[in-house]
């Protein structure tokens, strides 16, 4: 992407210098983590999105972690364009997940009603700084999350979600 930062380029240089193997994430990749845990790459697809308001955000890696009856959907910074592609692509994914890491810090251009309906989470986690410049999370996203139990780092501090593959526990450490 044309939006590579100097920090990202420095990171790539270190990886190359140390001879660390890297794999470009693409939809459909599955990683068996042992004891029945599976991580699947949901996004990006083989063809990256171009010409969106933020190609870097819309090509964020989206991962689904499944262990037994519990699953997590990690959405990066995707926005509505990527959500639509994920919802209607040829690979069709079962996005239903127990926990949703809300995209783009709860920004208004992400976490559409259709996406929430497809994920149908019990718990939503929003990683967001207190009193941030962007006003995240947006009231629109919070409204769209409706009856979902929402945890926010700006209000709850560190959020730890634990599972045994059957049950789910959420612990918070307190903000500030």
Protein backbone atom coordinates (compact mmCIF):
# COMPACT_ATOMS: atom_id res chain seq x y z
CA UNK A 1 0.00 0.00 0.00
CA UNK A 2 1.12 3.54 -0.62
CA UNK A 3 0.37 4.43 3.02
CA UNK A 4 3.33 2.48 4.48
CA UNK A 5 4.84 4.37 7.38
CA UNK A 6 8.50 4.70 8.24
CA UNK A 7 7.86 2.54 11.35
CA UNK A 8 6.32 -0.19 9.19
CA UNK A 9 9.19 -0.05 6.72
CA UNK A 10 11.72 -0.23 9.60
CA UNK A 11 9.87 -3.26 10.99
CA UNK A 12 10.05 -4.99 7.59
CA UNK A 13 13.76 -4.25 7.43
CA UNK A 14 14.37 -5.87 10.83
CA UNK A 15 12.37 -8.95 9.78
CA UNK A 16 14.46 -9.24 6.62
CA UNK A 17 17.75 -8.71 8.50
CA UNK A 18 16.89 -11.45 10.99
CA UNK A 19 15.74 -13.83 8.26
CA UNK A 20 12.30 -14.22 9.83
CA UNK A 21 9.83 -15.99 7.58
CA UNK A 22 6.69 -13.99 6.91
CA UNK A 23 3.42 -14.84 5.27
CA UNK A 24 1.02 -12.37 3.71
CA UNK A 25 -2.43 -12.92 5.23
CA UNK A 26 -5.15 -13.73 2.70
CA UNK A 27 -8.74 -14.81 3.18
CA UNK A 28 -9.14 -18.55 3.55
CA UNK A 29 -5.88 -19.29 5.36
CA UNK A 30 -6.34 -21.50 8.43
CA UNK A 31 -3.91 -21.94 11.26
CA UNK A 32 -4.36 -24.88 13.60
CA UNK A 33 -3.24 -23.68 17.04
CA UNK A 34 -3.64 -27.00 18.86
CA UNK A 35 -6.22 -28.36 21.33
CA UNK A 36 -8.93 -27.67 18.76
CA UNK A 37 -8.23 -23.93 18.38
CA UNK A 38 -8.34 -22.59 14.84
CA UNK A 39 -7.49 -19.13 13.53
CA UNK A 40 -8.87 -18.26 10.11
CA UNK A 41 -8.01 -15.26 7.98
CA UNK A 42 -11.30 -13.72 6.87
CA UNK A 43 -9.89 -10.65 5.11
CA UNK A 44 -8.21 -9.30 2.98
CA UNK A 45 -9.09 -11.17 -0.14
CA UNK A 46 -6.71 -12.02 -2.96
CA UNK A 47 -7.35 -8.59 -4.50
CA UNK A 48 -6.87 -5.68 -2.12
CA UNK A 49 -9.47 -2.93 -2.09
CA UNK A 50 -8.41 0.19 -3.97
CA UNK A 51 -10.00 3.60 -4.33
CA UNK A 52 -11.77 3.60 -0.96
CA UNK A 53 -11.57 6.53 1.44
CA UNK A 54 -8.94 4.55 3.36
CA UNK A 55 -7.40 1.61 1.53
CA UNK A 56 -5.05 0.95 4.48
CA UNK A 57 -7.98 0.55 6.89
CA UNK A 58 -10.11 -1.42 4.47
CA UNK A 59 -7.30 -3.90 3.84
CA UNK A 60 -6.73 -4.57 7.55
CA UNK A 61 -6.38 -8.20 8.49
CA UNK A 62 -9.59 -9.70 9.90
CA UNK A 63 -9.19 -12.90 11.91
CA UNK A 64 -11.64 -15.31 13.49
CA UNK A 65 -10.44 -17.44 16.39
CA UNK A 66 -12.61 -20.44 17.24
CA UNK A 67 -12.24 -22.76 20.20
CA UNK A 68 -15.12 -25.10 20.92
CA UNK A 69 -18.32 -23.12 21.36
CA UNK A 70 -16.58 -19.75 21.70
CA UNK A 71 -15.28 -17.55 18.90
CA UNK A 72 -13.70 -14.14 18.50
CA UNK A 73 -13.77 -11.85 15.46
CA UNK A 74 -10.84 -9.40 15.29
CA UNK A 75 -11.68 -6.73 12.72
CA UNK A 76 -8.68 -4.39 12.60
CA UNK A 77 -9.63 -0.99 11.17
CA UNK A 78 -11.95 -2.15 8.39
CA UNK A 79 -14.73 0.18 7.32
CA UNK A 80 -18.06 -0.38 5.57
CA UNK A 81 -16.50 -1.08 2.15
CA UNK A 82 -14.51 -4.02 3.50
CA UNK A 83 -17.46 -5.20 5.61
CA UNK A 84 -19.61 -5.36 2.45
CA UNK A 85 -16.93 -7.33 0.62
CA UNK A 86 -16.66 -9.77 3.53
CA UNK A 87 -20.43 -10.17 3.78
CA UNK A 88 -20.94 -10.77 0.07
CA UNK A 89 -17.70 -12.33 -1.20
CA UNK A 90 -17.50 -15.69 -2.92
CA UNK A 91 -15.77 -17.35 0.06
CA UNK A 92 -18.82 -16.80 2.32
CA UNK A 93 -17.76 -16.93 5.92
CA UNK A 94 -19.79 -17.81 8.99
CA UNK A 95 -19.00 -14.61 10.86
CA UNK A 96 -21.11 -15.54 13.89
CA UNK A 97 -18.82 -14.90 16.86
CA UNK A 98 -19.21 -14.73 20.62
CA UNK A 99 -16.89 -11.71 20.90
CA UNK A 100 -16.49 -8.89 18.38
CA UNK A 101 -13.48 -6.59 18.54
CA UNK A 102 -15.24 -3.55 17.10
CA UNK A 103 -13.55 -2.17 13.99
CA UNK A 104 -11.73 1.15 13.76
CA UNK A 105 -12.11 2.07 17.46
CA UNK A 106 -15.87 2.35 16.98
CA UNK A 107 -15.61 4.93 14.18
CA UNK A 108 -18.89 5.82 12.45
CA UNK A 109 -17.74 4.36 9.11
CA UNK A 110 -17.40 0.85 10.55
CA UNK A 111 -19.46 -1.82 12.29
CA UNK A 112 -22.54 -1.51 10.10
CA UNK A 113 -25.91 -2.92 11.16
CA UNK A 114 -25.60 -5.69 8.54
CA UNK A 115 -22.15 -6.65 9.81
CA UNK A 116 -23.32 -6.73 13.43
CA UNK A 117 -26.29 -8.89 12.42
CA UNK A 118 -23.98 -11.36 10.67
CA UNK A 119 -21.60 -11.55 13.63
CA UNK A 120 -24.38 -11.57 16.26
CA UNK A 121 -21.94 -11.09 19.15
CA UNK A 122 -22.72 -11.50 22.83
CA UNK A 123 -19.82 -9.21 23.78
CA UNK A 124 -18.21 -6.29 21.94
CA UNK A 125 -14.83 -4.82 22.84
CA UNK A 126 -13.84 -1.34 21.68
CA UNK A 127 -10.17 -0.40 21.90
CA UNK A 128 -10.20 3.37 22.18
CA UNK A 129 -8.25 6.10 23.94
CA UNK A 130 -9.97 8.26 26.53
CA UNK A 131 -11.05 11.70 25.19
CA UNK A 132 -9.52 10.90 21.80
CA UNK A 133 -9.33 13.53 19.08
CA UNK A 134 -11.66 11.58 16.77
CA UNK A 135 -14.52 11.24 19.26
CA UNK A 136 -14.46 7.45 19.03
CA UNK A 137 -16.50 5.43 19.59
CA UNK A 138 -19.29 7.11 17.67
CA UNK A 139 -22.79 7.29 19.08
CA UNK A 140 -23.98 5.64 15.85
CA UNK A 141 -21.88 2.53 16.41
CA UNK A 142 -22.86 2.33 20.07
CA UNK A 143 -26.51 2.57 19.01
CA UNK A 144 -26.05 -0.14 16.37
CA UNK A 145 -24.57 -2.46 19.01
CA UNK A 146 -27.95 -2.25 20.80
CA UNK A 147 -28.32 -5.10 23.29
CA UNK A 148 -24.73 -6.34 22.98
CA UNK A 149 -22.64 -6.16 26.18
CA UNK A 150 -20.01 -3.50 25.32
CA UNK A 151 -16.61 -3.07 26.98
CA UNK A 152 -14.51 -0.01 26.15
CA UNK A 153 -10.88 0.55 27.06
CA UNK A 154 -11.52 4.25 27.68
CA UNK A 155 -14.12 3.39 30.34
CA UNK A 156 -13.02 -0.04 31.58
CA UNK A 157 -9.23 0.05 31.15
CA UNK A 158 -7.59 -3.26 30.33
CA UNK A 159 -10.14 -5.83 29.18
CA UNK A 160 -9.26 -9.51 29.48
CA UNK A 161 -11.51 -12.10 27.85
CA UNK A 162 -10.91 -15.70 28.88
CA UNK A 163 -12.51 -18.91 27.67
CA UNK A 164 -12.29 -22.64 28.19
CA UNK A 165 -13.95 -23.20 24.82
CA UNK A 166 -17.38 -23.53 26.45
CA UNK A 167 -17.76 -20.49 28.70
CA UNK A 168 -16.55 -16.91 28.56
CA UNK A 169 -15.27 -14.59 31.30
CA UNK A 170 -14.61 -10.87 30.97
CA UNK A 171 -12.43 -9.04 33.48
CA UNK A 172 -11.62 -5.33 33.51
CA UNK A 173 -8.74 -3.58 35.28
CA UNK A 174 -10.26 -0.08 35.44
CA UNK A 175 -9.51 2.97 33.32
CA UNK A 176 -6.97 5.64 34.15
